[in-house]
């Protein structure tokens, strides 16, 4: 597995998990991996999920733009 596909997979997973965390938090359900973060409060947990979402988007963008040497 090369760097490009690794960055794409990690970025996509971060993006999807953080979006699911946002949507489920609106309904009142929490993912198990976000349970300790949700205990910190709504503002802090939303901020952390937004940061994860941004990192996921940046990783996917970086993997698409940058040419990796094989």
PDB file of N, CA and C in Angstrom:
ATOM      1  N   UNK A   1       0.856  -1.176   0.000  1.00  0.00           N
ATOM      2  CA  UNK A   1       0.000   0.000   0.000  1.00  0.00           C
ATOM      3  C   UNK A   1       0.899   1.235   0.000  1.00  0.00           C
ATOM      4  N   UNK A   2       0.658   2.119  -0.927  1.00  0.00           N
ATOM      5  CA  UNK A   2       1.483   3.328  -0.998  1.00  0.00           C
ATOM      6  C   UNK A   2       0.888   4.457  -0.147  1.00  0.00           C
ATOM      7  N   UNK A   3       1.639   5.548  -0.074  1.00  0.00           N
ATOM      8  CA  UNK A   3       1.232   6.658   0.798  1.00  0.00           C
ATOM      9  C   UNK A   3      -0.082   7.295   0.358  1.00  0.00           C
ATOM     10  N   UNK A   4      -0.266   7.389  -0.946  1.00  0.00           N
ATOM     11  CA  UNK A   4      -1.471   8.048  -1.447  1.00  0.00           C
ATOM     12  C   UNK A   4      -2.729   7.303  -1.002  1.00  0.00           C
ATOM     13  N   UNK A   5      -2.742   5.985  -1.173  1.00  0.00           N
ATOM     14  CA  UNK A   5      -3.927   5.226  -0.779  1.00  0.00           C
ATOM     15  C   UNK A   5      -4.102   5.213   0.738  1.00  0.00           C
ATOM     16  N   UNK A   6      -2.998   5.211   1.479  1.00  0.00           N
ATOM     17  CA  UNK A   6      -3.091   5.265   2.936  1.00  0.00           C
ATOM     18  C   UNK A   6      -3.705   6.587   3.394  1.00  0.00           C
ATOM     19  N   UNK A   7      -3.253   7.713   2.828  1.00  0.00           N
ATOM     20  CA  UNK A   7      -3.824   9.014   3.172  1.00  0.00           C
ATOM     21  C   UNK A   7      -5.297   9.093   2.779  1.00  0.00           C
ATOM     22  N   UNK A   8      -5.648   8.526   1.629  1.00  0.00           N
ATOM     23  CA  UNK A   8      -7.050   8.544   1.203  1.00  0.00           C
ATOM     24  C   UNK A   8      -7.937   7.750   2.160  1.00  0.00           C
ATOM     25  N   UNK A   9      -7.482   6.585   2.568  1.00  0.00           N
ATOM     26  CA  UNK A   9      -8.286   5.753   3.465  1.00  0.00           C
ATOM     27  C   UNK A   9      -8.438   6.409   4.829  1.00  0.00           C
ATOM     28  N   UNK A  10      -7.335   6.897   5.395  1.00  0.00           N
ATOM     29  CA  UNK A  10      -7.400   7.542   6.714  1.00  0.00           C
ATOM     30  C   UNK A  10      -8.247   8.808   6.662  1.00  0.00           C
ATOM     31  N   UNK A  11      -8.054   9.616   5.630  1.00  0.00           N
ATOM     32  CA  UNK A  11      -8.836  10.844   5.491  1.00  0.00           C
ATOM     33  C   UNK A  11     -10.322  10.567   5.323  1.00  0.00           C
ATOM     34  N   UNK A  12     -10.654   9.571   4.510  1.00  0.00           N
ATOM     35  CA  UNK A  12     -12.062   9.227   4.307  1.00  0.00           C
ATOM     36  C   UNK A  12     -12.689   8.704   5.596  1.00  0.00           C
ATOM     37  N   UNK A  13     -11.963   7.847   6.324  1.00  0.00           N
ATOM     38  CA  UNK A  13     -12.496   7.326   7.586  1.00  0.00           C
ATOM     39  C   UNK A  13     -12.699   8.437   8.617  1.00  0.00           C
ATOM     40  N   UNK A  14     -11.742   9.347   8.726  1.00  0.00           N
ATOM     41  CA  UNK A  14     -11.911  10.477   9.650  1.00  0.00           C
ATOM     42  C   UNK A  14     -13.135  11.312   9.281  1.00  0.00           C
ATOM     43  N   UNK A  15     -13.296  11.557   7.988  1.00  0.00           N
ATOM     44  CA  UNK A  15     -14.424  12.357   7.511  1.00  0.00           C
ATOM     45  C   UNK A  15     -15.749  11.671   7.826  1.00  0.00           C
ATOM     46  N   UNK A  16     -15.862  10.391   7.484  1.00  0.00           N
ATOM     47  CA  UNK A  16     -17.122   9.668   7.678  1.00  0.00           C
ATOM     48  C   UNK A  16     -17.456   9.513   9.159  1.00  0.00           C
ATOM     49  N   UNK A  17     -16.463   9.171   9.975  1.00  0.00           N
ATOM     50  CA  UNK A  17     -16.723   8.978  11.400  1.00  0.00           C
ATOM     51  C   UNK A  17     -17.128  10.295  12.067  1.00  0.00           C
ATOM     52  N   UNK A  18     -16.486  11.395  11.684  1.00  0.00           N
ATOM     53  CA  UNK A  18     -16.857  12.670  12.303  1.00  0.00           C
ATOM     54  C   UNK A  18     -18.231  13.148  11.835  1.00  0.00           C
ATOM     55  N   UNK A  19     -18.575  12.914  10.571  1.00  0.00           N
ATOM     56  CA  UNK A  19     -19.924  13.264  10.105  1.00  0.00           C
ATOM     57  C   UNK A  19     -20.969  12.426  10.831  1.00  0.00           C
ATOM     58  N   UNK A  20     -20.700  11.117  10.972  1.00  0.00           N
ATOM     59  CA  UNK A  20     -21.632  10.274  11.730  1.00  0.00           C
ATOM     60  C   UNK A  20     -21.754  10.739  13.171  1.00  0.00           C
ATOM     61  N   UNK A  21     -20.645  11.159  13.759  1.00  0.00           N
ATOM     62  CA  UNK A  21     -20.675  11.665  15.128  1.00  0.00           C
ATOM     63  C   UNK A  21     -21.550  12.901  15.257  1.00  0.00           C
ATOM     64  N   UNK A  22     -21.443  13.821  14.276  1.00  0.00           N
ATOM     65  CA  UNK A  22     -22.284  15.018  14.294  1.00  0.00           C
ATOM     66  C   UNK A  22     -23.762  14.656  14.164  1.00  0.00           C
ATOM     67  N   UNK A  23     -24.081  13.826  13.191  1.00  0.00           N
ATOM     68  CA  UNK A  23     -25.482  13.495  12.922  1.00  0.00           C
ATOM     69  C   UNK A  23     -26.101  12.742  14.100  1.00  0.00           C
ATOM     70  N   UNK A  24     -25.374  11.755  14.609  1.00  0.00           N
ATOM     71  CA  UNK A  24     -25.922  10.988  15.732  1.00  0.00           C
ATOM     72  C   UNK A  24     -26.017  11.830  16.999  1.00  0.00           C
ATOM     73  N   UNK A  25     -25.134  12.807  17.148  1.00  0.00           N
ATOM     74  CA  UNK A  25     -25.190  13.684  18.320  1.00  0.00           C
ATOM     75  C   UNK A  25     -26.440  14.566  18.280  1.00  0.00           C
ATOM     76  N   UNK A  26     -26.899  14.928  17.092  1.00  0.00           N
ATOM     77  CA  UNK A  26     -28.132  15.713  16.975  1.00  0.00           C
ATOM     78  C   UNK A  26     -29.345  14.908  17.442  1.00  0.00           C
ATOM     79  N   UNK A  27     -29.297  13.595  17.233  1.00  0.00           N
ATOM     80  CA  UNK A  27     -30.403  12.727  17.629  1.00  0.00           C
ATOM     81  C   UNK A  27     -30.304  12.342  19.099  1.00  0.00           C
ATOM     82  N   UNK A  28     -29.108  12.448  19.665  1.00  0.00           N
ATOM     83  CA  UNK A  28     -28.919  12.101  21.067  1.00  0.00           C
ATOM     84  C   UNK A  28     -28.203  10.781  21.270  1.00  0.00           C
ATOM     85  N   UNK A  29     -27.655  10.234  20.183  1.00  0.00           N
ATOM     86  CA  UNK A  29     -26.930   8.973  20.249  1.00  0.00           C
ATOM     87  C   UNK A  29     -25.447   9.281  20.094  1.00  0.00           C
ATOM     88  N   UNK A  30     -24.607   8.495  20.768  1.00  0.00           N
ATOM     89  CA  UNK A  30     -23.175   8.716  20.696  1.00  0.00           C
ATOM     90  C   UNK A  30     -22.472   7.447  20.235  1.00  0.00           C
ATOM     91  N   UNK A  31     -21.510   7.595  19.343  1.00  0.00           N
ATOM     92  CA  UNK A  31     -20.678   6.464  18.960  1.00  0.00           C
ATOM     93  C   UNK A  31     -19.778   6.080  20.137  1.00  0.00           C
ATOM     94  N   UNK A  32     -19.437   4.825  20.218  1.00  0.00           N
ATOM     95  CA  UNK A  32     -18.621   4.352  21.341  1.00  0.00           C
ATOM     96  C   UNK A  32     -17.269   5.051  21.367  1.00  0.00           C
ATOM     97  N   UNK A  33     -16.680   5.299  20.189  1.00  0.00           N
ATOM     98  CA  UNK A  33     -15.356   5.932  20.175  1.00  0.00           C
ATOM     99  C   UNK A  33     -15.407   7.397  20.588  1.00  0.00           C
ATOM    100  N   UNK A  34     -16.587   8.009  20.488  1.00  0.00           N
ATOM    101  CA  UNK A  34     -16.728   9.412  20.880  1.00  0.00           C
ATOM    102  C   UNK A  34     -17.306   9.577  22.290  1.00  0.00           C
ATOM    103  N   UNK A  35     -17.586   8.491  22.986  1.00  0.00           N
ATOM    104  CA  UNK A  35     -18.197   8.582  24.319  1.00  0.00           C
ATOM    105  C   UNK A  35     -17.349   9.401  25.299  1.00  0.00           C
ATOM    106  N   UNK A  36     -16.024   9.172  25.406  1.00  0.00           N
ATOM    107  CA  UNK A  36     -15.231  10.010  26.330  1.00  0.00           C
ATOM    108  C   UNK A  36     -15.188  11.479  25.901  1.00  0.00           C
ATOM    109  N   UNK A  37     -15.213  11.709  24.604  1.00  0.00           N
ATOM    110  CA  UNK A  37     -15.186  13.088  24.107  1.00  0.00           C
ATOM    111  C   UNK A  37     -16.526  13.769  24.377  1.00  0.00           C
ATOM    112  N   UNK A  38     -17.626  13.046  24.216  1.00  0.00           N
ATOM    113  CA  UNK A  38     -18.950  13.619  24.463  1.00  0.00           C
ATOM    114  C   UNK A  38     -19.175  13.945  25.933  1.00  0.00           C
ATOM    115  N   UNK A  39     -18.466  13.258  26.811  1.00  0.00           N
ATOM    116  CA  UNK A  39     -18.595  13.552  28.245  1.00  0.00           C
ATOM    117  C   UNK A  39     -17.971  14.895  28.619  1.00  0.00           C
ATOM    118  N   UNK A  40     -17.140  15.456  27.751  1.00  0.00           N
ATOM    119  CA  UNK A  40     -16.503  16.757  28.024  1.00  0.00           C
ATOM    120  C   UNK A  40     -17.476  17.929  27.851  1.00  0.00           C
ATOM    121  N   UNK A  41     -18.558  17.706  27.151  1.00  0.00           N
ATOM    122  CA  UNK A  41     -19.525  18.770  26.906  1.00  0.00           C
ATOM    123  C   UNK A  41     -19.782  18.921  25.422  1.00  0.00           C
ATOM    124  N   UNK A  42     -20.890  19.569  25.107  1.00  0.00           N
ATOM    125  CA  UNK A  42     -21.301  19.670  23.706  1.00  0.00           C
ATOM    126  C   UNK A  42     -20.336  20.522  22.892  1.00  0.00           C
ATOM    127  N   UNK A  43     -19.902  21.648  23.425  1.00  0.00           N
ATOM    128  CA  UNK A  43     -19.045  22.548  22.661  1.00  0.00           C
ATOM    129  C   UNK A  43     -17.680  21.928  22.371  1.00  0.00           C
ATOM    130  N   UNK A  44     -17.078  21.342  23.372  1.00  0.00           N
ATOM    131  CA  UNK A  44     -15.757  20.737  23.200  1.00  0.00           C
ATOM    132  C   UNK A  44     -15.838  19.543  22.255  1.00  0.00           C
ATOM    133  N   UNK A  45     -16.855  18.713  22.414  1.00  0.00           N
ATOM    134  CA  UNK A  45     -16.979  17.541  21.546  1.00  0.00           C
ATOM    135  C   UNK A  45     -17.256  17.950  20.103  1.00  0.00           C
ATOM    136  N   UNK A  46     -18.060  18.979  19.910  1.00  0.00           N
ATOM    137  CA  UNK A  46     -18.315  19.462  18.553  1.00  0.00           C
ATOM    138  C   UNK A  46     -17.058  20.051  17.928  1.00  0.00           C
ATOM    139  N   UNK A  47     -16.275  20.737  18.723  1.00  0.00           N
ATOM    140  CA  UNK A  47     -15.026  21.308  18.225  1.00  0.00           C
ATOM    141  C   UNK A  47     -14.041  20.208  17.826  1.00  0.00           C
ATOM    142  N   UNK A  48     -13.926  19.182  18.634  1.00  0.00           N
ATOM    143  CA  UNK A  48     -13.021  18.068  18.317  1.00  0.00           C
ATOM    144  C   UNK A  48     -13.494  17.329  17.067  1.00  0.00           C
ATOM    145  N   UNK A  49     -14.791  17.123  16.926  1.00  0.00           N
ATOM    146  CA  UNK A  49     -15.326  16.457  15.732  1.00  0.00           C
ATOM    147  C   UNK A  49     -15.117  17.312  14.490  1.00  0.00           C
ATOM    148  N   UNK A  50     -15.242  18.633  14.630  1.00  0.00           N
ATOM    149  CA  UNK A  50     -14.988  19.520  13.493  1.00  0.00           C
ATOM    150  C   UNK A  50     -13.517  19.484  13.101  1.00  0.00           C
ATOM    151  N   UNK A  51     -12.624  19.410  14.078  1.00  0.00           N
ATOM    152  CA  UNK A  51     -11.190  19.311  13.778  1.00  0.00           C
ATOM    153  C   UNK A  51     -10.899  17.996  13.060  1.00  0.00           C
ATOM    154  N   UNK A  52     -11.489  16.895  13.513  1.00  0.00           N
ATOM    155  CA  UNK A  52     -11.305  15.614  12.838  1.00  0.00           C
ATOM    156  C   UNK A  52     -11.842  15.658  11.408  1.00  0.00           C
ATOM    157  N   UNK A  53     -12.982  16.300  11.220  1.00  0.00           N
ATOM    158  CA  UNK A  53     -13.559  16.452   9.895  1.00  0.00           C
ATOM    159  C   UNK A  53     -12.623  17.238   8.989  1.00  0.00           C
ATOM    160  N   UNK A  54     -12.069  18.327   9.498  1.00  0.00           N
ATOM    161  CA  UNK A  54     -11.156  19.154   8.716  1.00  0.00           C
ATOM    162  C   UNK A  54      -9.874  18.403   8.364  1.00  0.00           C
ATOM    163  N   UNK A  55      -9.347  17.634   9.317  1.00  0.00           N
ATOM    164  CA  UNK A  55      -8.144  16.848   9.047  1.00  0.00           C
ATOM    165  C   UNK A  55      -8.427  15.796   7.978  1.00  0.00           C
ATOM    166  N   UNK A  56      -9.584  15.168   8.036  1.00  0.00           N
ATOM    167  CA  UNK A  56      -9.956  14.183   7.023  1.00  0.00           C
ATOM    168  C   UNK A  56     -10.045  14.788   5.637  1.00  0.00           C
ATOM    169  N   UNK A  57     -10.655  15.956   5.519  1.00  0.00           N
ATOM    170  CA  UNK A  57     -10.757  16.625   4.227  1.00  0.00           C
ATOM    171  C   UNK A  57      -9.375  17.027   3.729  1.00  0.00           C
ATOM    172  N   UNK A  58      -8.539  17.537   4.625  1.00  0.00           N
ATOM    173  CA  UNK A  58      -7.182  17.944   4.235  1.00  0.00           C
ATOM    174  C   UNK A  58      -6.346  16.757   3.784  1.00  0.00           C
ATOM    175  N   UNK A  59      -6.476  15.621   4.443  1.00  0.00           N
ATOM    176  CA  UNK A  59      -5.721  14.439   4.036  1.00  0.00           C
ATOM    177  C   UNK A  59      -6.138  13.944   2.654  1.00  0.00           C
ATOM    178  N   UNK A  60      -7.426  13.934   2.389  1.00  0.00           N
ATOM    179  CA  UNK A  60      -7.898  13.519   1.067  1.00  0.00           C
ATOM    180  C   UNK A  60      -7.424  14.503   0.004  1.00  0.00           C
ATOM    181  N   UNK A  61      -7.510  15.782   0.280  1.00  0.00           N
ATOM    182  CA  UNK A  61      -7.044  16.800  -0.658  1.00  0.00           C
ATOM    183  C   UNK A  61      -5.546  16.671  -0.907  1.00  0.00           C
ATOM    184  N   UNK A  62      -4.788  16.470   0.166  1.00  0.00           N
ATOM    185  CA  UNK A  62      -3.339  16.318   0.061  1.00  0.00           C
ATOM    186  C   UNK A  62      -2.975  15.087  -0.770  1.00  0.00           C
ATOM    187  N   UNK A  63      -3.696  14.001  -0.571  1.00  0.00           N
ATOM    188  CA  UNK A  63      -3.417  12.773  -1.317  1.00  0.00           C
ATOM    189  C   UNK A  63      -3.730  12.934  -2.797  1.00  0.00           C
ATOM    190  N   UNK A  64      -4.709  13.759  -3.119  1.00  0.00           N
ATOM    191  CA  UNK A  64      -5.069  13.959  -4.512  1.00  0.00           C
ATOM    192  C   UNK A  64      -4.132  14.930  -5.233  1.00  0.00           C
ATOM    193  N   UNK A  65      -3.613  15.911  -4.532  1.00  0.00           N
ATOM    194  CA  UNK A  65      -2.828  16.963  -5.167  1.00  0.00           C
ATOM    195  C   UNK A  65      -1.344  16.620  -5.259  1.00  0.00           C
ATOM    196  N   UNK A  66      -0.778  16.122  -4.168  1.00  0.00           N
ATOM    197  CA  UNK A  66       0.659  15.922  -4.104  1.00  0.00           C
ATOM    198  C   UNK A  66       1.056  14.659  -4.848  1.00  0.00           C
ATOM    199  N   UNK A  67       2.135  14.775  -5.626  1.00  0.00           N
ATOM    200  CA  UNK A  67       2.674  13.626  -6.340  1.00  0.00           C
ATOM    201  C   UNK A  67       3.686  12.918  -5.433  1.00  0.00           C
ATOM    202  N   UNK A  68       3.410  11.655  -5.121  1.00  0.00           N
ATOM    203  CA  UNK A  68       4.298  10.884  -4.272  1.00  0.00           C
ATOM    204  C   UNK A  68       5.308  10.138  -5.122  1.00  0.00           C
ATOM    205  N   UNK A  69       6.535  10.046  -4.640  1.00  0.00           N
ATOM    206  CA  UNK A  69       7.559   9.269  -5.331  1.00  0.00           C
ATOM    207  C   UNK A  69       7.380   7.801  -4.962  1.00  0.00           C
ATOM    208  N   UNK A  70       7.517   6.950  -5.943  1.00  0.00           N
ATOM    209  CA  UNK A  70       7.364   5.514  -5.672  1.00  0.00           C
ATOM    210  C   UNK A  70       8.659   4.916  -5.266  1.00  0.00           C
TER     211      UNK A  70
END
